[in-house]
C-alpha cells in the first residue's frame, strides 16, 4: 500500500470519526475503518534506491504490528482473541500428539 490513493467523500465519511492512524499506513487504516470492500489498483514499480537508506527498522516493524492489532480489535473485538486462544490450544494439542508419537 504505497503511493497515492483516492476515494469518494461519502466512503471516507463512513469511518472518518474512527480514523486515528499511527505510523505511515494511513490507507490501511482507511480501508478497515471505512469498510472498503472493493478497490482498483494501478501498478507501479519502485526504482532501485540511489540516495539515502531505508527507514524500515525493527521499531517501525513493531509499530506496524501494534497498528495491525489495533485494526483487528476495531474489526473483530474480543472475537479475535478468542480465535487466537483457540488456535494456540489446538497447536499445543497437535504438538503434544506429535511428541507422543515420536517419543
N, C-alpha and C. Protein backbone atom coordinates (compact mmCIF):
# COMPACT_ATOMS: atom_id res chain seq x y z
N UNK A 1 0.84 -1.18 0.00
CA UNK A 1 0.00 0.00 0.00
C UNK A 1 0.89 1.24 0.00
N UNK A 2 1.47 1.49 -1.11
CA UNK A 2 2.35 2.64 -1.23
C UNK A 2 1.81 3.58 -2.28
N UNK A 3 2.19 4.82 -2.19
CA UNK A 3 1.87 5.77 -3.22
C UNK A 3 0.59 6.52 -2.96
N UNK A 4 -0.04 6.93 -4.03
CA UNK A 4 -1.24 7.75 -3.98
C UNK A 4 -2.48 6.87 -3.91
N UNK A 5 -3.46 7.28 -3.13
CA UNK A 5 -4.74 6.61 -3.14
C UNK A 5 -5.83 7.66 -3.04
N UNK A 6 -6.96 7.36 -3.65
CA UNK A 6 -8.07 8.30 -3.63
C UNK A 6 -9.37 7.55 -3.42
N UNK A 7 -10.33 8.23 -2.82
CA UNK A 7 -11.64 7.63 -2.62
C UNK A 7 -12.69 8.72 -2.55
N UNK A 8 -13.92 8.30 -2.73
CA UNK A 8 -15.03 9.26 -2.72
C UNK A 8 -15.25 9.79 -1.30
N UNK A 9 -15.77 11.00 -1.22
CA UNK A 9 -16.01 11.65 0.07
C UNK A 9 -17.00 10.86 0.92
N UNK A 10 -18.03 10.28 0.30
CA UNK A 10 -19.02 9.52 1.05
C UNK A 10 -18.41 8.25 1.66
N UNK A 11 -17.46 7.65 0.98
CA UNK A 11 -16.78 6.46 1.51
C UNK A 11 -15.92 6.85 2.70
N UNK A 12 -15.18 7.93 2.58
CA UNK A 12 -14.36 8.41 3.69
C UNK A 12 -15.23 8.78 4.89
N UNK A 13 -16.39 9.32 4.62
CA UNK A 13 -17.31 9.73 5.68
C UNK A 13 -17.78 8.59 6.56
N UNK A 14 -17.80 7.35 6.03
CA UNK A 14 -18.25 6.19 6.81
C UNK A 14 -17.41 5.97 8.06
N UNK A 15 -16.13 6.26 7.99
CA UNK A 15 -15.27 5.95 9.11
C UNK A 15 -14.42 7.11 9.57
N UNK A 16 -14.72 8.30 9.10
CA UNK A 16 -13.87 9.45 9.37
C UNK A 16 -13.67 9.69 10.87
N UNK A 17 -14.71 9.54 11.66
CA UNK A 17 -14.58 9.80 13.10
C UNK A 17 -13.76 8.72 13.81
N UNK A 18 -13.69 7.53 13.23
CA UNK A 18 -12.95 6.43 13.85
C UNK A 18 -11.49 6.39 13.43
N UNK A 19 -11.13 7.14 12.41
CA UNK A 19 -9.76 7.09 11.88
C UNK A 19 -8.81 7.80 12.82
N UNK A 20 -7.79 7.07 13.25
CA UNK A 20 -6.72 7.64 14.07
C UNK A 20 -5.43 6.92 13.72
N UNK A 21 -4.92 7.15 12.51
CA UNK A 21 -3.77 6.38 12.04
C UNK A 21 -2.51 6.67 12.84
N UNK A 22 -1.76 5.60 13.04
CA UNK A 22 -0.44 5.74 13.64
C UNK A 22 0.56 5.28 12.59
N UNK A 23 1.69 5.89 12.54
CA UNK A 23 2.67 5.50 11.54
C UNK A 23 2.30 6.05 10.17
N UNK A 24 2.68 5.33 9.16
CA UNK A 24 2.51 5.83 7.80
C UNK A 24 1.55 4.98 6.98
N UNK A 25 0.82 4.07 7.59
CA UNK A 25 -0.11 3.21 6.86
C UNK A 25 -1.53 3.77 6.94
N UNK A 26 -1.70 5.01 6.49
CA UNK A 26 -2.99 5.68 6.54
C UNK A 26 -3.99 4.95 5.66
N UNK A 27 -3.58 4.49 4.50
CA UNK A 27 -4.50 3.80 3.59
C UNK A 27 -5.06 2.54 4.24
N UNK A 28 -4.24 1.80 4.95
CA UNK A 28 -4.69 0.60 5.63
C UNK A 28 -5.76 0.95 6.67
N UNK A 29 -5.52 1.99 7.42
CA UNK A 29 -6.48 2.47 8.42
C UNK A 29 -7.82 2.84 7.75
N UNK A 30 -7.75 3.55 6.66
CA UNK A 30 -8.97 3.97 5.95
C UNK A 30 -9.70 2.76 5.39
N UNK A 31 -8.99 1.81 4.82
CA UNK A 31 -9.63 0.61 4.26
C UNK A 31 -10.42 -0.12 5.33
N UNK A 32 -9.84 -0.27 6.52
CA UNK A 32 -10.51 -1.01 7.59
C UNK A 32 -11.67 -0.22 8.17
N UNK A 33 -11.42 1.01 8.55
CA UNK A 33 -12.42 1.77 9.29
C UNK A 33 -13.55 2.32 8.42
N UNK A 34 -13.30 2.46 7.13
CA UNK A 34 -14.36 2.89 6.21
C UNK A 34 -15.02 1.69 5.52
N UNK A 35 -14.60 0.50 5.90
CA UNK A 35 -15.18 -0.75 5.41
C UNK A 35 -15.17 -0.85 3.89
N UNK A 36 -14.03 -0.55 3.30
CA UNK A 36 -13.87 -0.62 1.85
C UNK A 36 -13.75 -2.08 1.45
N UNK A 37 -14.65 -2.53 0.61
CA UNK A 37 -14.68 -3.94 0.20
C UNK A 37 -14.08 -4.18 -1.18
N UNK A 38 -14.19 -3.20 -2.05
CA UNK A 38 -13.64 -3.38 -3.40
C UNK A 38 -12.83 -2.13 -3.77
N UNK A 39 -11.83 -2.35 -4.58
CA UNK A 39 -10.95 -1.26 -4.97
C UNK A 39 -10.26 -1.61 -6.27
N UNK A 40 -9.69 -0.64 -6.91
CA UNK A 40 -8.91 -0.80 -8.13
C UNK A 40 -7.47 -0.42 -7.83
N UNK A 41 -6.55 -1.12 -8.43
CA UNK A 41 -5.13 -0.80 -8.24
C UNK A 41 -4.51 -0.37 -9.56
N UNK A 42 -3.56 0.52 -9.46
CA UNK A 42 -2.73 0.90 -10.60
C UNK A 42 -1.31 0.54 -10.20
N UNK A 43 -0.75 -0.43 -10.90
CA UNK A 43 0.58 -0.93 -10.54
C UNK A 43 1.68 0.07 -10.89
N UNK A 44 2.69 0.08 -10.08
CA UNK A 44 3.89 0.85 -10.40
C UNK A 44 5.08 0.15 -9.78
N UNK A 45 6.25 0.40 -10.32
CA UNK A 45 7.47 -0.23 -9.84
C UNK A 45 8.38 0.81 -9.20
N UNK A 46 8.99 0.41 -8.10
CA UNK A 46 9.97 1.27 -7.47
C UNK A 46 11.30 1.10 -8.19
N UNK A 47 12.00 2.19 -8.34
CA UNK A 47 13.34 2.13 -8.91
C UNK A 47 14.31 1.79 -7.78
N UNK A 48 15.44 1.20 -8.12
CA UNK A 48 16.43 0.93 -7.08
C UNK A 48 16.84 2.23 -6.37
N UNK A 49 17.01 2.14 -5.06
CA UNK A 49 17.38 3.32 -4.28
C UNK A 49 18.80 3.75 -4.65
N UNK A 50 18.94 5.03 -4.98
CA UNK A 50 20.27 5.54 -5.33
C UNK A 50 20.82 6.48 -4.27
N UNK A 51 19.92 7.08 -3.48
CA UNK A 51 20.34 8.02 -2.44
C UNK A 51 19.62 7.67 -1.15
N UNK A 52 20.30 7.77 -0.04
CA UNK A 52 19.67 7.54 1.25
C UNK A 52 19.56 6.06 1.56
N UNK A 53 18.81 5.78 2.63
CA UNK A 53 18.64 4.38 3.03
C UNK A 53 17.21 4.16 3.50
N UNK A 54 16.85 2.93 3.61
CA UNK A 54 15.50 2.56 4.02
C UNK A 54 15.22 3.03 5.45
N UNK A 55 13.98 3.43 5.69
CA UNK A 55 13.56 3.83 7.03
C UNK A 55 12.96 2.66 7.78
N UNK A 56 12.97 1.47 7.17
CA UNK A 56 12.39 0.30 7.79
C UNK A 56 13.34 -0.26 8.85
N UNK A 57 12.97 -0.08 10.10
CA UNK A 57 13.77 -0.57 11.22
C UNK A 57 12.93 -1.52 12.06
N UNK A 58 13.54 -2.13 13.03
CA UNK A 58 12.80 -3.00 13.94
C UNK A 58 11.70 -2.25 14.65
N UNK A 59 11.97 -1.01 15.01
CA UNK A 59 10.97 -0.18 15.69
C UNK A 59 9.76 0.07 14.79
N UNK A 60 9.99 0.31 13.51
CA UNK A 60 8.91 0.53 12.56
C UNK A 60 8.07 -0.74 12.42
N UNK A 61 8.72 -1.89 12.39
CA UNK A 61 8.00 -3.16 12.27
C UNK A 61 7.13 -3.40 13.49
N UNK A 62 7.65 -3.14 14.68
CA UNK A 62 6.87 -3.30 15.91
C UNK A 62 5.69 -2.34 15.91
N UNK A 63 5.92 -1.11 15.48
CA UNK A 63 4.87 -0.10 15.38
C UNK A 63 3.77 -0.59 14.43
N UNK A 64 4.15 -1.15 13.31
CA UNK A 64 3.20 -1.67 12.32
C UNK A 64 2.39 -2.83 12.90
N UNK A 65 3.03 -3.73 13.63
CA UNK A 65 2.32 -4.85 14.24
C UNK A 65 1.33 -4.37 15.30
N UNK A 66 1.69 -3.34 16.05
CA UNK A 66 0.76 -2.75 17.01
C UNK A 66 -0.44 -2.15 16.29
N UNK A 67 -0.17 -1.51 15.17
CA UNK A 67 -1.25 -0.92 14.37
C UNK A 67 -2.19 -2.01 13.86
N UNK A 68 -1.62 -3.11 13.38
CA UNK A 68 -2.45 -4.23 12.92
C UNK A 68 -3.32 -4.76 14.04
N UNK A 69 -2.75 -4.90 15.24
CA UNK A 69 -3.52 -5.38 16.37
C UNK A 69 -4.69 -4.43 16.67
N UNK A 70 -4.42 -3.14 16.60
CA UNK A 70 -5.46 -2.14 16.82
C UNK A 70 -6.60 -2.29 15.79
N UNK A 71 -6.23 -2.53 14.55
CA UNK A 71 -7.23 -2.67 13.49
C UNK A 71 -8.03 -3.97 13.65
N UNK A 72 -7.37 -5.05 14.08
CA UNK A 72 -8.09 -6.29 14.37
C UNK A 72 -9.06 -6.08 15.52
N UNK A 73 -8.64 -5.36 16.55
CA UNK A 73 -9.53 -5.04 17.67
C UNK A 73 -10.75 -4.28 17.17
N UNK A 74 -10.52 -3.30 16.31
CA UNK A 74 -11.61 -2.50 15.77
C UNK A 74 -12.58 -3.36 14.98
N UNK A 75 -12.04 -4.25 14.15
CA UNK A 75 -12.88 -5.06 13.26
C UNK A 75 -13.57 -6.22 13.95
N UNK A 76 -12.86 -6.90 14.85
CA UNK A 76 -13.39 -8.15 15.41
C UNK A 76 -13.62 -8.12 16.91
N UNK A 77 -13.10 -7.14 17.62
CA UNK A 77 -13.26 -7.07 19.07
C UNK A 77 -12.65 -8.28 19.75
N UNK A 78 -13.33 -8.79 20.76
CA UNK A 78 -12.79 -9.91 21.53
C UNK A 78 -12.79 -11.21 20.74
N UNK A 79 -13.58 -11.28 19.68
CA UNK A 79 -13.60 -12.49 18.85
C UNK A 79 -12.19 -12.83 18.36
N UNK A 80 -11.41 -11.82 18.02
CA UNK A 80 -10.04 -12.03 17.56
C UNK A 80 -9.23 -12.78 18.61
N UNK A 81 -9.34 -12.36 19.87
CA UNK A 81 -8.58 -13.00 20.94
C UNK A 81 -9.07 -14.41 21.24
N UNK A 82 -10.36 -14.63 21.10
CA UNK A 82 -10.91 -15.98 21.29
C UNK A 82 -10.36 -16.91 20.22
N UNK A 83 -10.32 -16.45 18.99
CA UNK A 83 -9.79 -17.27 17.88
C UNK A 83 -8.31 -17.55 18.09
N UNK A 84 -7.55 -16.54 18.49
CA UNK A 84 -6.11 -16.75 18.74
C UNK A 84 -5.91 -17.76 19.86
N UNK A 85 -6.69 -17.65 20.94
CA UNK A 85 -6.57 -18.59 22.06
C UNK A 85 -6.89 -20.01 21.60
N UNK A 86 -7.93 -20.17 20.79
CA UNK A 86 -8.29 -21.50 20.28
C UNK A 86 -7.18 -22.06 19.40
N UNK A 87 -6.60 -21.22 18.56
CA UNK A 87 -5.51 -21.68 17.70
C UNK A 87 -4.29 -22.11 18.51
N UNK A 88 -4.00 -21.38 19.58
CA UNK A 88 -2.88 -21.75 20.44
C UNK A 88 -3.16 -23.09 21.13
N UNK A 89 -4.37 -23.27 21.62
CA UNK A 89 -4.75 -24.54 22.27
C UNK A 89 -4.64 -25.70 21.28
N UNK A 90 -5.13 -25.51 20.07
CA UNK A 90 -5.06 -26.56 19.05
C UNK A 90 -3.60 -26.87 18.71
N UNK A 91 -2.78 -25.81 18.60
CA UNK A 91 -1.36 -26.01 18.28
C UNK A 91 -0.67 -26.82 19.37
N UNK A 92 -0.94 -26.51 20.63
CA UNK A 92 -0.34 -27.28 21.73
C UNK A 92 -0.85 -28.72 21.74
N UNK A 93 -2.12 -28.92 21.43
CA UNK A 93 -2.68 -30.27 21.38
C UNK A 93 -1.98 -31.09 20.29
N UNK A 94 -1.86 -30.51 19.11
CA UNK A 94 -1.20 -31.19 17.99
C UNK A 94 0.26 -31.47 18.34
N UNK A 95 0.94 -30.50 18.91
CA UNK A 95 2.33 -30.68 19.31
C UNK A 95 2.46 -31.82 20.33
N UNK A 96 1.55 -31.86 21.28
CA UNK A 96 1.55 -32.92 22.29
C UNK A 96 1.39 -34.30 21.64
N UNK A 97 0.47 -34.42 20.69
CA UNK A 97 0.22 -35.69 19.99
C UNK A 97 1.43 -36.10 19.15
N UNK A 98 2.03 -35.16 18.48
CA UNK A 98 3.20 -35.44 17.65
C UNK A 98 4.36 -35.91 18.53
N UNK A 99 4.59 -35.20 19.62
CA UNK A 99 5.67 -35.59 20.52
C UNK A 99 5.42 -36.96 21.14
N UNK A 100 4.16 -37.28 21.42
CA UNK A 100 3.82 -38.58 21.98
C UNK A 100 4.14 -39.70 20.99
N UNK A 101 3.93 -39.42 19.70
CA UNK A 101 4.24 -40.42 18.66
C UNK A 101 5.75 -40.60 18.50
N UNK A 102 6.49 -39.51 18.60
CA UNK A 102 7.93 -39.55 18.42
C UNK A 102 8.63 -40.21 19.60
N UNK A 103 8.21 -39.86 20.78
CA UNK A 103 8.87 -40.36 21.99
C UNK A 103 8.22 -41.66 22.34
